[in-house]
Amino acid sequence: MIIEHKSLELFGKHLFEKAIVKPPLRMPNPMDNEACFIFVIEGSGSVLSATDIVKLNSQEAVLLKCGNYLGRIHLGQEDSNYHTMVIHLLPEVLKEIYRNEIPSFLKIEENEQVTSNLPLIKGNELLIKYIDSILFYFENPSLATEELLVLKIKELFMLLMHTKNASDVKRILAQLFSPQSYSIREIVDAHLYDDISVTDLALLSNHSLSSFKRKFKEIYNDSTAGYLRKKKLEKAGELLKGSAENVGNIAFDCGFNDLAHFSRSFKQFYGVSPSDYRLNQMSKQLA
């Protein structure tokens, strides 16, 4: 549930947004022709892309190039809200800001690979003070002139170029509006053991739900739900057999957030409970 939402505009477009949200919350975030910078002021969440997942805590940020994403806002140990700032990076706005000359870090460089499509950016002192300065303008919007907001976007890029993982950030900046295409198999394999729905996978692969299910059936000769359930339970069986990890942690590692649901599914698949399965496997090994 969104408790508070404010925005600042530049050239008629939403540029800076801040929101306070009551967790938990899951939300699709398709960005066909937009990139963005997300900074977590308070709380924790995660962002899923086609092949990656990054977890964000307070004072951490991530830079997203255009593409399809899934956002999750986590329920923390304390009943606190999630407070975030999003800075939208729109091509038409950046062209207006840099109309005289496109800076080198926004130019695409050939044969340069990104090691992480979701670089986690730790909030150093300069970045935190930058966010605080934007919060000041949210409280005093009449002071947020066009000239000041232009300078704030330029300042953001300069700060990003001086983070610890600046090399990844630079490559992401150079490819902000060049979406990368992934096959359904690559996306499914990347999120096989995440707590993810078929609808989420369809979003990340840029397909409608019906189209995704049809293509999935052609590739795997199985239903999406059936295949994912089978793979998660097979991994759970391997972990129960080969590790001393407790059942709850194994369930979580295999993409189950509900232990009771995991136990029911496991018994339906293997014919015994997870605990009995582990005991049976230990007995076989000893024999």
Protein backbone atom coordinates (compact mmCIF):
# COMPACT_ATOMS: atom_id res chain seq x y z
CA MET A 1 0.00 0.00 0.00
CA ILE A 2 1.35 3.41 -0.99
CA ILE A 3 1.21 5.81 1.97
CA GLU A 4 2.86 8.84 0.35
CA HIS A 5 3.92 9.74 -3.18
CA LYS A 6 5.52 12.96 -4.44
CA SER A 7 7.24 13.94 -7.69
CA LEU A 8 9.27 16.74 -9.25
CA GLU A 9 9.00 17.41 -12.97
CA LEU A 10 11.52 18.56 -15.55
CA PHE A 11 10.51 19.49 -19.13
CA GLY A 12 6.99 18.22 -18.37
CA LYS A 13 8.19 14.74 -17.32
CA HIS A 14 8.29 13.11 -13.90
CA LEU A 15 11.97 13.22 -13.02
CA PHE A 16 12.32 12.63 -9.27
CA GLU A 17 9.81 10.55 -7.35
CA LYS A 18 9.74 9.55 -3.73
CA ALA A 19 7.36 7.14 -2.12
CA ILE A 20 6.61 5.66 1.28
CA VAL A 21 5.09 2.19 1.04
CA LYS A 22 3.75 -0.24 3.61
CA PRO A 23 5.30 -3.68 2.94
CA PRO A 24 5.07 -6.32 1.72
CA LEU A 25 4.37 -5.44 -1.91
CA ARG A 26 5.18 -6.94 -5.31
CA MET A 27 4.88 -4.82 -8.42
CA PRO A 28 5.78 -5.17 -12.10
CA ASN A 29 8.05 -2.45 -13.44
CA PRO A 30 8.23 -2.51 -17.25
CA MET A 31 10.47 0.23 -18.70
CA ASP A 32 10.26 0.10 -22.48
CA ASN A 33 11.94 3.44 -23.16
CA GLU A 34 13.28 4.54 -19.82
CA ALA A 35 16.07 3.84 -17.38
CA CYS A 36 16.08 4.72 -13.72
CA PHE A 37 18.11 5.00 -10.53
CA ILE A 38 16.50 3.59 -7.36
CA PHE A 39 17.77 4.57 -3.90
CA VAL A 40 16.39 2.96 -0.74
CA ILE A 41 16.14 5.52 2.04
CA GLU A 42 14.63 3.11 4.55
CA GLY A 43 13.56 -0.54 4.46
CA SER A 44 14.56 -3.40 2.18
CA GLY A 45 13.49 -4.76 -1.17
CA SER A 46 14.72 -6.53 -4.26
CA VAL A 47 14.65 -6.06 -8.01
CA LEU A 48 14.47 -8.93 -10.49
CA SER A 49 15.53 -8.59 -14.11
CA ALA A 50 15.44 -11.25 -16.82
CA THR A 51 18.56 -12.97 -15.50
CA ASP A 52 19.55 -11.24 -12.25
CA ILE A 53 18.26 -10.36 -8.81
CA VAL A 54 19.63 -7.70 -6.47
CA LYS A 55 18.62 -7.15 -2.85
CA LEU A 56 18.57 -3.58 -1.58
CA ASN A 57 18.77 -2.39 2.01
CA SER A 58 18.73 1.11 3.46
CA GLN A 59 21.28 3.47 1.90
CA GLU A 60 21.76 1.23 -1.15
CA ALA A 61 20.84 1.82 -4.77
CA VAL A 62 20.64 0.17 -8.17
CA LEU A 63 20.83 1.49 -11.71
CA LEU A 64 18.35 -0.04 -14.18
CA LYS A 65 18.64 0.20 -17.95
CA CYS A 66 15.47 -0.08 -20.01
CA GLY A 67 13.77 -3.46 -19.86
CA ASN A 68 11.26 -5.40 -17.78
CA TYR A 69 11.68 -5.72 -14.02
CA LEU A 70 9.83 -7.00 -10.99
CA GLY A 71 10.06 -5.10 -7.71
CA ARG A 72 9.54 -6.61 -4.28
CA ILE A 73 9.28 -4.68 -1.04
CA HIS A 74 10.09 -6.87 1.93
CA LEU A 75 8.46 -6.97 5.33
CA GLY A 76 11.21 -6.23 7.84
CA GLN A 77 11.63 -7.47 11.37
CA GLU A 78 10.28 -4.18 12.63
CA ASP A 79 6.94 -2.94 11.38
CA SER A 80 8.54 -0.06 9.46
CA ASN A 81 7.64 1.39 6.09
CA TYR A 82 9.69 1.32 2.91
CA HIS A 83 10.94 4.74 1.79
CA THR A 84 12.51 5.09 -1.64
CA MET A 85 13.54 7.66 -4.22
CA VAL A 86 13.42 6.95 -7.95
CA ILE A 87 15.17 9.14 -10.52
CA HIS A 88 13.79 8.58 -14.00
CA LEU A 89 16.28 8.74 -16.86
CA LEU A 90 14.31 9.47 -20.01
CA PRO A 91 16.08 9.74 -23.39
CA GLU A 92 14.22 12.89 -24.39
CA VAL A 93 15.13 14.59 -21.11
CA LEU A 94 18.80 13.58 -21.31
CA LYS A 95 19.00 14.82 -24.90
CA GLU A 96 17.67 18.18 -23.74
CA ILE A 97 20.08 18.33 -20.80
CA TYR A 98 23.09 17.38 -22.94
CA ARG A 99 21.94 19.01 -26.16
CA ASN A 100 25.34 20.54 -26.90
CA GLU A 101 27.39 17.38 -26.46
CA ILE A 102 26.57 13.86 -25.27
CA PRO A 103 29.05 12.97 -22.51
CA SER A 104 31.33 10.01 -23.10
CA PHE A 105 29.70 7.86 -20.43
CA LEU A 106 26.36 7.97 -22.30
CA LYS A 107 27.91 6.74 -25.55
CA ILE A 108 27.72 3.06 -26.45
CA GLU A 109 31.13 1.44 -26.62
CA GLU A 110 31.58 -1.61 -28.84
CA ASN A 111 32.76 -4.97 -27.50
CA GLU A 112 32.34 -3.90 -23.88
CA GLN A 113 30.52 -6.38 -21.67
CA VAL A 114 28.64 -5.66 -18.45
CA THR A 115 29.58 -8.05 -15.65
CA SER A 116 26.39 -7.20 -13.75
CA ASN A 117 23.15 -5.92 -15.25
CA LEU A 118 22.01 -4.85 -11.79
CA PRO A 119 25.01 -3.22 -10.12
CA LEU A 120 24.46 -2.69 -6.40
CA ILE A 121 25.60 0.80 -5.43
CA LYS A 122 26.51 1.43 -1.81
CA GLY A 123 25.47 4.81 -0.50
CA ASN A 124 28.72 6.63 0.26
CA GLU A 125 28.71 9.97 2.05
CA LEU A 126 28.49 12.01 -1.16
CA LEU A 127 25.57 9.98 -2.54
CA ILE A 128 23.65 10.14 0.74
CA LYS A 129 24.11 13.92 0.92
CA TYR A 130 22.93 14.13 -2.69
CA ILE A 131 19.73 12.26 -1.83
CA ASP A 132 19.22 14.53 1.18
CA SER A 133 19.49 17.56 -1.11
CA ILE A 134 16.73 16.18 -3.35
CA LEU A 135 14.53 15.51 -0.32
CA PHE A 136 14.92 19.20 0.55
CA TYR A 137 13.37 20.14 -2.81
CA PHE A 138 10.46 17.78 -2.21
CA GLU A 139 9.70 19.75 0.93
CA ASN A 140 10.29 23.05 -0.91
CA PRO A 141 9.10 22.39 -4.50
CA SER A 142 8.94 26.11 -5.37
CA LEU A 143 12.76 26.17 -5.14
CA ALA A 144 13.18 23.28 -7.59
CA THR A 145 13.78 25.37 -10.71
CA GLU A 146 14.51 23.87 -14.11
CA GLU A 147 18.15 24.98 -13.92
CA LEU A 148 18.64 23.35 -10.52
CA LEU A 149 17.08 20.04 -11.57
CA VAL A 150 19.27 19.93 -14.68
CA LEU A 151 22.31 20.39 -12.45
CA LYS A 152 21.04 17.66 -10.13
CA ILE A 153 20.86 15.12 -12.97
CA LYS A 154 24.41 16.00 -14.06
CA GLU A 155 25.56 15.73 -10.46
CA LEU A 156 24.04 12.23 -10.19
CA PHE A 157 26.02 10.99 -13.18
CA MET A 158 29.23 12.44 -11.80
CA LEU A 159 28.64 10.75 -8.43
CA LEU A 160 27.88 7.39 -10.08
CA MET A 161 31.17 7.56 -11.94
CA HIS A 162 32.97 7.65 -8.58
CA THR A 163 31.33 4.68 -6.86
CA LYS A 164 33.28 1.51 -6.01
CA ASN A 165 31.84 -0.38 -8.99
CA ALA A 166 32.11 2.58 -11.37
CA SER A 167 33.28 0.37 -14.26
CA ASP A 168 30.01 -1.58 -14.28
CA VAL A 169 28.03 1.60 -13.78
CA LYS A 170 29.80 3.25 -16.70
CA ARG A 171 28.99 0.35 -19.01
CA ILE A 172 25.36 0.38 -17.87
CA LEU A 173 25.18 4.15 -18.50
CA ALA A 174 26.58 3.67 -21.99
CA GLN A 175 23.80 1.15 -22.73
CA LEU A 176 20.89 2.69 -20.83
CA PHE A 177 18.53 2.55 -23.77
CA SER A 178 19.81 -0.61 -25.46
CA PRO A 179 17.71 -3.43 -24.01
CA GLN A 180 19.26 -6.89 -24.09
CA SER A 181 17.21 -9.80 -25.34
CA TYR A 182 17.10 -13.12 -23.48
CA SER A 183 15.52 -16.41 -24.44
CA ILE A 184 12.75 -17.95 -22.34
CA ARG A 185 15.14 -20.77 -21.41
CA GLU A 186 17.75 -18.28 -20.12
CA ILE A 187 15.15 -16.46 -18.02
CA VAL A 188 13.63 -19.65 -16.60
CA ASP A 189 17.05 -21.09 -15.75
CA ALA A 190 18.09 -17.84 -14.03
CA HIS A 191 15.02 -17.82 -11.76
CA LEU A 192 14.38 -21.54 -11.37
CA TYR A 193 14.72 -21.48 -7.58
CA ASP A 194 13.36 -18.01 -6.89
CA ASP A 195 9.96 -17.37 -5.36
CA ILE A 196 8.52 -16.32 -8.69
CA SER A 197 5.19 -16.82 -10.43
CA VAL A 198 4.44 -17.72 -14.04
CA THR A 199 3.02 -14.22 -14.49
CA ASP A 200 6.33 -12.75 -13.28
CA LEU A 201 8.31 -14.88 -15.75
CA ALA A 202 6.03 -13.78 -18.59
CA LEU A 203 6.65 -10.13 -17.67
CA LEU A 204 10.42 -10.56 -17.51
CA SER A 205 10.42 -12.27 -20.91
CA ASN A 206 8.23 -9.52 -22.41
CA HIS A 207 5.43 -11.95 -23.36
CA SER A 208 1.76 -12.06 -22.54
CA LEU A 209 0.87 -14.81 -20.08
CA SER A 210 -0.82 -16.96 -22.72
CA SER A 211 2.04 -16.52 -25.19
CA PHE A 212 4.62 -17.38 -22.52
CA LYS A 213 2.78 -20.54 -21.48
CA ARG A 214 2.47 -21.65 -25.11
CA LYS A 215 6.15 -21.09 -25.86
CA PHE A 216 7.15 -22.71 -22.57
CA LYS A 217 5.16 -25.84 -23.48
CA GLU A 218 6.91 -25.99 -26.85
CA ILE A 219 10.37 -25.78 -25.21
CA TYR A 220 9.93 -28.01 -22.16
CA ASN A 221 7.00 -30.23 -23.17
CA ASP A 222 5.46 -29.54 -19.76
CA SER A 223 3.24 -26.94 -18.11
CA THR A 224 5.06 -24.00 -16.56
CA ALA A 225 3.74 -24.64 -13.04
CA GLY A 226 4.44 -28.37 -13.26
CA TYR A 227 8.00 -27.95 -14.51
CA LEU A 228 8.94 -25.29 -11.94
CA ARG A 229 7.44 -27.31 -9.10
CA LYS A 230 9.31 -30.45 -10.20
CA LYS A 231 12.67 -28.65 -10.43
CA LYS A 232 12.28 -26.96 -7.04
CA LEU A 233 11.36 -30.25 -5.34
CA GLU A 234 14.18 -32.13 -7.06
CA LYS A 235 16.65 -29.58 -5.70
CA ALA A 236 15.06 -29.82 -2.25
CA GLY A 237 15.52 -33.60 -2.34
CA GLU A 238 19.19 -33.22 -3.27
CA LEU A 239 19.78 -30.72 -0.45
CA LEU A 240 18.01 -32.88 2.12
CA LYS A 241 20.12 -35.84 1.08
CA GLY A 242 23.46 -34.06 0.93
CA SER A 243 23.39 -31.38 3.63
CA ALA A 244 22.52 -30.92 7.29
CA GLU A 245 20.70 -27.63 6.64
CA ASN A 246 17.34 -27.37 8.39
CA VAL A 247 14.18 -28.00 6.39
CA GLY A 248 12.97 -24.39 6.58
CA ASN A 249 16.17 -23.00 5.05
CA ILE A 250 16.12 -25.63 2.30
CA ALA A 251 12.52 -24.75 1.47
CA PHE A 252 13.49 -21.07 1.20
CA ASP A 253 16.55 -21.85 -0.93
CA CYS A 254 14.33 -23.75 -3.35
CA GLY A 255 11.84 -20.92 -3.78
CA PHE A 256 9.23 -21.83 -1.15
CA ASN A 257 8.32 -19.11 1.34
CA ASP A 258 5.63 -21.19 3.06
CA LEU A 259 7.01 -24.18 4.97
CA ALA A 260 3.60 -25.88 5.24
CA HIS A 261 3.07 -25.58 1.49
CA PHE A 262 6.57 -26.93 0.87
CA SER A 263 5.95 -29.94 3.15
CA ARG A 264 2.65 -30.77 1.42
CA SER A 265 4.17 -30.44 -2.04
CA PHE A 266 7.21 -32.51 -1.05
CA LYS A 267 5.07 -35.34 0.34
CA GLN A 268 2.91 -35.39 -2.79
CA PHE A 269 6.06 -35.62 -4.94
CA TYR A 270 8.17 -38.07 -2.92
CA GLY A 271 5.50 -39.87 -0.91
CA VAL A 272 7.07 -38.97 2.46
CA SER A 273 7.64 -35.81 4.49
CA PRO A 274 10.95 -33.91 4.08
CA SER A 275 12.16 -35.15 7.50
CA ASP A 276 11.32 -38.77 6.75
CA TYR A 277 12.93 -38.47 3.31
CA ARG A 278 16.18 -37.28 4.93
CA LEU A 279 16.09 -40.15 7.44
CA ASN A 280 15.45 -42.68 4.66
CA GLN A 281 18.37 -41.33 2.64
CA MET A 282 20.68 -41.45 5.67
CA SER A 283 19.66 -45.06 6.33
CA LYS A 284 20.45 -46.01 2.72
CA GLN A 285 23.87 -44.38 2.95
CA LEU A 286 24.68 -46.16 6.19
CA ALA A 287 23.55 -49.49 4.76
